[in-house]
Amino acid sequence: MTRTVHTPSGDARISWHAAAGARAVLALGHGAGGGVESADLQALAGALPARGITVALVEQPWRVAGKRVAPAPRTLDTAWEALWPALEKPGLPVFAGGRSAGARVACRTARALGARAVLALSFPLHPPGKPEKSRVDELTGAGVPVLVVQGGTDPFGRPGEFPAGTELVEVPGAHGLAAPEPPVIGRIGDWLTARLAG
């Protein structure tokens, strides 16, 4: 089921992948270079409902409008904040998440929106080749538990560059993650479920 949600930045779109007897909602935003059709987001939307987690794939207004370049971070955050009530409407705990730029949005807004936790796929810790321009404060400042799923050769931040204590799952590949293997999806599902109990 797909629903259009009005935001100050234009119409966003939520594609719902419902779980029978759902216990939570996982909202996943896309990156700056692609949409919700990316392999990792689609794999999670296909697998997690069987574990009782409804997945909501969120398309930002710029993407719905057919634009090629993402707007400024604050504009992305404003749209995410505006569509959050639609994610809460089922009356279930909501996890925030996304890949790359979507992971940054989820981290920046998690505390204010009351997200239960954040799933960060391919978190862009810094621009390629510029580790001095770190975005680690967005990650550590989320204010809720964060699980990072990161490619071992990601030029935006290899797993070893993340701060000590980061909950991180290393997977093969660079920034454009392939569909996670079943054991990785299992770890993500277990982690989300544990956050419901905590």
C-alpha atoms as a PDB file:
ATOM      1  CA  MET A   1       0.000   0.000   0.000  1.00  0.00           C
ATOM      2  CA  THR A   2       1.346   3.412  -0.961  1.00  0.00           C
ATOM      3  CA  ARG A   3       0.285   6.665   0.648  1.00  0.00           C
ATOM      4  CA  THR A   4       1.092  10.261  -0.258  1.00  0.00           C
ATOM      5  CA  VAL A   5       1.843  12.598   2.647  1.00  0.00           C
ATOM      6  CA  HIS A   6       1.977  16.380   2.341  1.00  0.00           C
ATOM      7  CA  THR A   7       5.028  18.112   3.793  1.00  0.00           C
ATOM      8  CA  PRO A   8       6.332  21.707   3.659  1.00  0.00           C
ATOM      9  CA  SER A   9       8.760  20.529   0.970  1.00  0.00           C
ATOM     10  CA  GLY A  10       6.130  18.901  -1.220  1.00  0.00           C
ATOM     11  CA  ASP A  11       4.510  15.493  -1.331  1.00  0.00           C
ATOM     12  CA  ALA A  12       6.359  12.536   0.173  1.00  0.00           C
ATOM     13  CA  ARG A  13       5.399   8.930  -0.491  1.00  0.00           C
ATOM     14  CA  ILE A  14       5.286   6.008   1.944  1.00  0.00           C
ATOM     15  CA  SER A  15       5.186   2.442   0.655  1.00  0.00           C
ATOM     16  CA  TRP A  16       3.926   0.140   3.399  1.00  0.00           C
ATOM     17  CA  HIS A  17       5.057  -3.476   3.678  1.00  0.00           C
ATOM     18  CA  ALA A  18       2.769  -4.677   6.439  1.00  0.00           C
ATOM     19  CA  ALA A  19       3.426  -7.426   8.946  1.00  0.00           C
ATOM     20  CA  ALA A  20       0.610  -9.611  10.230  1.00  0.00           C
ATOM     21  CA  GLY A  21       0.338  -8.921  13.960  1.00  0.00           C
ATOM     22  CA  ALA A  22       2.923  -6.172  13.680  1.00  0.00           C
ATOM     23  CA  ARG A  23       4.789  -5.147  16.823  1.00  0.00           C
ATOM     24  CA  ALA A  24       6.646  -2.154  15.365  1.00  0.00           C
ATOM     25  CA  VAL A  25       7.195   0.002  12.296  1.00  0.00           C
ATOM     26  CA  LEU A  26      10.609   0.508  10.682  1.00  0.00           C
ATOM     27  CA  ALA A  27      10.692   3.663   8.547  1.00  0.00           C
ATOM     28  CA  LEU A  28      13.505   3.658   5.985  1.00  0.00           C
ATOM     29  CA  GLY A  29      14.571   6.664   3.949  1.00  0.00           C
ATOM     30  CA  HIS A  30      16.692   6.527   0.800  1.00  0.00           C
ATOM     31  CA  GLY A  31      20.013   8.104  -0.051  1.00  0.00           C
ATOM     32  CA  ALA A  32      20.880  11.181  -2.090  1.00  0.00           C
ATOM     33  CA  GLY A  33      21.792   9.151  -5.157  1.00  0.00           C
ATOM     34  CA  GLY A  34      18.821   6.817  -5.410  1.00  0.00           C
ATOM     35  CA  GLY A  35      15.393   5.890  -4.196  1.00  0.00           C
ATOM     36  CA  VAL A  36      13.657   3.181  -2.223  1.00  0.00           C
ATOM     37  CA  GLU A  37      14.316   0.684  -5.009  1.00  0.00           C
ATOM     38  CA  SER A  38      17.851   0.101  -3.691  1.00  0.00           C
ATOM     39  CA  ALA A  39      18.621  -3.564  -3.037  1.00  0.00           C
ATOM     40  CA  ASP A  40      19.218  -3.237   0.693  1.00  0.00           C
ATOM     41  CA  LEU A  41      15.972  -1.365   1.397  1.00  0.00           C
ATOM     42  CA  GLN A  42      13.958  -3.762  -0.755  1.00  0.00           C
ATOM     43  CA  ALA A  43      15.484  -6.789   0.963  1.00  0.00           C
ATOM     44  CA  LEU A  44      14.553  -5.480   4.413  1.00  0.00           C
ATOM     45  CA  ALA A  45      11.030  -4.610   3.248  1.00  0.00           C
ATOM     46  CA  GLY A  46      10.666  -8.147   1.949  1.00  0.00           C
ATOM     47  CA  ALA A  47      12.068  -9.971   4.973  1.00  0.00           C
ATOM     48  CA  LEU A  48      11.275  -8.075   8.168  1.00  0.00           C
ATOM     49  CA  PRO A  49       7.442  -8.289   8.044  1.00  0.00           C
ATOM     50  CA  ALA A  50       7.795 -12.033   8.678  1.00  0.00           C
ATOM     51  CA  ARG A  51       9.409 -11.049  11.986  1.00  0.00           C
ATOM     52  CA  GLY A  52       6.507  -8.826  13.014  1.00  0.00           C
ATOM     53  CA  ILE A  53       8.013  -5.546  11.820  1.00  0.00           C
ATOM     54  CA  THR A  54       6.097  -3.466   9.291  1.00  0.00           C
ATOM     55  CA  VAL A  55       8.483  -1.664   6.950  1.00  0.00           C
ATOM     56  CA  ALA A  56       7.622   1.789   5.599  1.00  0.00           C
ATOM     57  CA  LEU A  57       9.808   2.866   2.685  1.00  0.00           C
ATOM     58  CA  VAL A  58       9.817   6.664   2.589  1.00  0.00           C
ATOM     59  CA  GLU A  59      10.460   8.680  -0.564  1.00  0.00           C
ATOM     60  CA  GLN A  60      11.448  12.271   0.114  1.00  0.00           C
ATOM     61  CA  PRO A  61       9.553  15.010  -1.785  1.00  0.00           C
ATOM     62  CA  TRP A  62      12.483  15.862  -4.060  1.00  0.00           C
ATOM     63  CA  ARG A  63      12.550  12.282  -5.267  1.00  0.00           C
ATOM     64  CA  VAL A  64       8.767  12.087  -5.710  1.00  0.00           C
ATOM     65  CA  ALA A  65       8.952  15.282  -7.794  1.00  0.00           C
ATOM     66  CA  GLY A  66      11.510  13.694 -10.111  1.00  0.00           C
ATOM     67  CA  LYS A  67      14.409  15.950  -9.169  1.00  0.00           C
ATOM     68  CA  ARG A  68      17.955  14.631  -9.450  1.00  0.00           C
ATOM     69  CA  VAL A  69      19.659  16.568  -6.674  1.00  0.00           C
ATOM     70  CA  ALA A  70      18.748  16.295  -3.011  1.00  0.00           C
ATOM     71  CA  PRO A  71      18.062  19.534  -1.110  1.00  0.00           C
ATOM     72  CA  ALA A  72      19.874  20.774   1.991  1.00  0.00           C
ATOM     73  CA  PRO A  73      19.877  18.590   5.123  1.00  0.00           C
ATOM     74  CA  ARG A  74      17.465  20.866   6.966  1.00  0.00           C
ATOM     75  CA  THR A  75      14.915  20.516   4.155  1.00  0.00           C
ATOM     76  CA  LEU A  76      15.225  16.730   4.331  1.00  0.00           C
ATOM     77  CA  ASP A  77      14.753  16.817   8.100  1.00  0.00           C
ATOM     78  CA  THR A  78      11.677  19.056   7.840  1.00  0.00           C
ATOM     79  CA  ALA A  79       9.976  16.678   5.422  1.00  0.00           C
ATOM     80  CA  TRP A  80      10.829  13.656   7.599  1.00  0.00           C
ATOM     81  CA  GLU A  81       9.441  15.390  10.676  1.00  0.00           C
ATOM     82  CA  ALA A  82       6.238  16.307   8.818  1.00  0.00           C
ATOM     83  CA  LEU A  83       5.518  12.749   7.706  1.00  0.00           C
ATOM     84  CA  TRP A  84       6.352  11.167  11.078  1.00  0.00           C
ATOM     85  CA  PRO A  85       2.717  11.287  12.324  1.00  0.00           C
ATOM     86  CA  ALA A  86       1.744   9.057   9.388  1.00  0.00           C
ATOM     87  CA  LEU A  87       4.372   6.545  10.532  1.00  0.00           C
ATOM     88  CA  GLU A  88       3.013   6.654  14.081  1.00  0.00           C
ATOM     89  CA  LYS A  89      -0.606   6.252  12.961  1.00  0.00           C
ATOM     90  CA  PRO A  90      -0.676   2.440  13.368  1.00  0.00           C
ATOM     91  CA  GLY A  91      -0.064   3.068  17.079  1.00  0.00           C
ATOM     92  CA  LEU A  92       3.136   1.012  17.226  1.00  0.00           C
ATOM     93  CA  PRO A  93       6.697   1.836  18.291  1.00  0.00           C
ATOM     94  CA  VAL A  94       8.567   3.376  15.358  1.00  0.00           C
ATOM     95  CA  PHE A  95      12.195   2.744  14.437  1.00  0.00           C
ATOM     96  CA  ALA A  96      13.838   5.339  12.204  1.00  0.00           C
ATOM     97  CA  GLY A  97      16.346   4.374   9.574  1.00  0.00           C
ATOM     98  CA  GLY A  98      17.659   4.742   6.095  1.00  0.00           C
ATOM     99  CA  ARG A  99      20.629   4.417   3.838  1.00  0.00           C
ATOM    100  CA  SER A 100      23.370   7.045   3.467  1.00  0.00           C
ATOM    101  CA  ALA A 101      21.701  10.498   3.540  1.00  0.00           C
ATOM    102  CA  GLY A 102      18.551   8.823   4.857  1.00  0.00           C
ATOM    103  CA  ALA A 103      20.547   7.413   7.765  1.00  0.00           C
ATOM    104  CA  ARG A 104      21.803  10.910   8.576  1.00  0.00           C
ATOM    105  CA  VAL A 105      18.233  12.258   8.605  1.00  0.00           C
ATOM    106  CA  ALA A 106      17.141   9.443  10.913  1.00  0.00           C
ATOM    107  CA  CYS A 107      19.985  10.127  13.349  1.00  0.00           C
ATOM    108  CA  ARG A 108      19.502  13.902  13.376  1.00  0.00           C
ATOM    109  CA  THR A 109      15.779  13.689  14.137  1.00  0.00           C
ATOM    110  CA  ALA A 110      15.480  10.503  16.227  1.00  0.00           C
ATOM    111  CA  ARG A 111      15.488  12.029  19.681  1.00  0.00           C
ATOM    112  CA  ALA A 112      13.038  14.837  18.917  1.00  0.00           C
ATOM    113  CA  LEU A 113      10.592  12.501  17.167  1.00  0.00           C
ATOM    114  CA  GLY A 114      10.704   9.788  19.801  1.00  0.00           C
ATOM    115  CA  ALA A 115      12.099   7.047  17.568  1.00  0.00           C
ATOM    116  CA  ARG A 116      12.728   3.812  19.460  1.00  0.00           C
ATOM    117  CA  ALA A 117      16.121   3.326  17.748  1.00  0.00           C
ATOM    118  CA  VAL A 118      17.908   3.955  14.431  1.00  0.00           C
ATOM    119  CA  LEU A 119      19.043   1.530  11.726  1.00  0.00           C
ATOM    120  CA  ALA A 120      21.799   3.270   9.733  1.00  0.00           C
ATOM    121  CA  LEU A 121      22.723   1.629   6.430  1.00  0.00           C
ATOM    122  CA  SER A 122      25.935   2.872   4.784  1.00  0.00           C
ATOM    123  CA  PHE A 123      26.239   5.805   7.186  1.00  0.00           C
ATOM    124  CA  PRO A 124      28.362   8.468   5.398  1.00  0.00           C
ATOM    125  CA  LEU A 125      30.789   9.199   8.200  1.00  0.00           C
ATOM    126  CA  HIS A 126      32.681  11.668   6.004  1.00  0.00           C
ATOM    127  CA  PRO A 127      32.975  12.612   2.313  1.00  0.00           C
ATOM    128  CA  PRO A 128      35.318  10.273   0.408  1.00  0.00           C
ATOM    129  CA  GLY A 129      38.949  11.161   1.047  1.00  0.00           C
ATOM    130  CA  LYS A 130      38.036  13.828   3.620  1.00  0.00           C
ATOM    131  CA  PRO A 131      38.010  12.180   7.059  1.00  0.00           C
ATOM    132  CA  GLU A 132      38.555  15.591   8.647  1.00  0.00           C
ATOM    133  CA  LYS A 133      34.980  16.511   7.642  1.00  0.00           C
ATOM    134  CA  SER A 134      33.494  14.006  10.050  1.00  0.00           C
ATOM    135  CA  ARG A 135      29.773  13.613  10.666  1.00  0.00           C
ATOM    136  CA  VAL A 136      30.312  11.464  13.724  1.00  0.00           C
ATOM    137  CA  ASP A 137      28.390  13.953  15.888  1.00  0.00           C
ATOM    138  CA  GLU A 138      25.200  13.133  13.970  1.00  0.00           C
ATOM    139  CA  LEU A 139      25.699   9.458  14.752  1.00  0.00           C
ATOM    140  CA  THR A 140      26.696   9.775  18.396  1.00  0.00           C
ATOM    141  CA  GLY A 141      24.145  12.527  19.001  1.00  0.00           C
ATOM    142  CA  ALA A 142      21.137  10.476  17.904  1.00  0.00           C
ATOM    143  CA  GLY A 143      20.071  10.064  21.528  1.00  0.00           C
ATOM    144  CA  VAL A 144      18.739   6.533  20.915  1.00  0.00           C
ATOM    145  CA  PRO A 145      20.412   3.186  20.182  1.00  0.00           C
ATOM    146  CA  VAL A 146      21.906   3.026  16.672  1.00  0.00           C
ATOM    147  CA  LEU A 147      22.883  -0.027  14.624  1.00  0.00           C
ATOM    148  CA  VAL A 148      25.188   0.675  11.669  1.00  0.00           C
ATOM    149  CA  VAL A 149      25.408  -1.706   8.713  1.00  0.00           C
ATOM    150  CA  GLN A 150      28.538  -0.720   6.784  1.00  0.00           C
ATOM    151  CA  GLY A 151      30.420  -2.019   3.748  1.00  0.00           C
ATOM    152  CA  GLY A 152      33.974  -3.070   4.522  1.00  0.00           C
ATOM    153  CA  THR A 153      35.424  -0.870   1.784  1.00  0.00           C
ATOM    154  CA  ASP A 154      32.996   2.066   2.010  1.00  0.00           C
ATOM    155  CA  PRO A 155      34.930   5.230   1.020  1.00  0.00           C
ATOM    156  CA  PHE A 156      32.451   7.284   3.075  1.00  0.00           C
ATOM    157  CA  GLY A 157      33.700   5.534   6.228  1.00  0.00           C
ATOM    158  CA  ARG A 158      35.127   2.062   6.693  1.00  0.00           C
ATOM    159  CA  PRO A 159      33.963   0.090   9.735  1.00  0.00           C
ATOM    160  CA  GLY A 160      37.265   0.656  11.546  1.00  0.00           C
ATOM    161  CA  GLU A 161      36.799   4.429  11.375  1.00  0.00           C
ATOM    162  CA  PHE A 162      33.686   4.422  13.546  1.00  0.00           C
ATOM    163  CA  PRO A 163      34.086   5.308  17.229  1.00  0.00           C
ATOM    164  CA  ALA A 164      34.655   2.582  19.765  1.00  0.00           C
ATOM    165  CA  GLY A 165      31.396   1.261  21.135  1.00  0.00           C
ATOM    166  CA  THR A 166      29.453   1.723  17.887  1.00  0.00           C
ATOM    167  CA  GLU A 167      27.088  -1.190  17.303  1.00  0.00           C
ATOM    168  CA  LEU A 168      28.136  -2.140  13.789  1.00  0.00           C
ATOM    169  CA  VAL A 169      27.632  -5.004  11.362  1.00  0.00           C
ATOM    170  CA  GLU A 170      30.290  -5.172   8.647  1.00  0.00           C
ATOM    171  CA  VAL A 171      29.165  -6.507   5.274  1.00  0.00           C
ATOM    172  CA  PRO A 172      31.006  -6.982   1.971  1.00  0.00           C
ATOM    173  CA  GLY A 173      31.106  -4.109  -0.474  1.00  0.00           C
ATOM    174  CA  ALA A 174      31.424  -0.351  -0.602  1.00  0.00           C
ATOM    175  CA  HIS A 175      28.771   2.363  -0.251  1.00  0.00           C
ATOM    176  CA  GLY A 176      26.101   0.866  -2.506  1.00  0.00           C
ATOM    177  CA  LEU A 177      25.177  -2.183  -0.463  1.00  0.00           C
ATOM    178  CA  ALA A 178      23.849  -5.312  -2.063  1.00  0.00           C
ATOM    179  CA  ALA A 179      20.828  -7.041  -0.580  1.00  0.00           C
ATOM    180  CA  PRO A 180      21.913  -8.227   2.879  1.00  0.00           C
ATOM    181  CA  GLU A 181      22.414 -11.956   3.264  1.00  0.00           C
ATOM    182  CA  PRO A 182      19.888 -13.791   5.487  1.00  0.00           C
ATOM    183  CA  PRO A 183      22.270 -13.910   8.491  1.00  0.00           C
ATOM    184  CA  VAL A 184      22.641 -10.110   8.352  1.00  0.00           C
ATOM    185  CA  ILE A 185      18.885  -9.620   8.070  1.00  0.00           C
ATOM    186  CA  GLY A 186      18.562 -11.967  11.032  1.00  0.00           C
ATOM    187  CA  ARG A 187      20.959  -9.857  13.085  1.00  0.00           C
ATOM    188  CA  ILE A 188      19.052  -6.697  12.182  1.00  0.00           C
ATOM    189  CA  GLY A 189      15.750  -8.322  13.090  1.00  0.00           C
ATOM    190  CA  ASP A 190      17.136  -9.585  16.390  1.00  0.00           C
ATOM    191  CA  TRP A 191      18.540  -6.158  17.231  1.00  0.00           C
ATOM    192  CA  LEU A 192      15.250  -4.393  16.503  1.00  0.00           C
ATOM    193  CA  THR A 193      13.289  -6.945  18.494  1.00  0.00           C
ATOM    194  CA  ALA A 194      15.625  -6.539  21.461  1.00  0.00           C
ATOM    195  CA  ARG A 195      15.018  -2.776  21.409  1.00  0.00           C
ATOM    196  CA  LEU A 196      11.299  -3.460  21.802  1.00  0.00           C
ATOM    197  CA  ALA A 197      11.961  -5.443  24.955  1.00  0.00           C
ATOM    198  CA  GLY A 198      14.329  -2.842  26.403  1.00  0.00           C
END
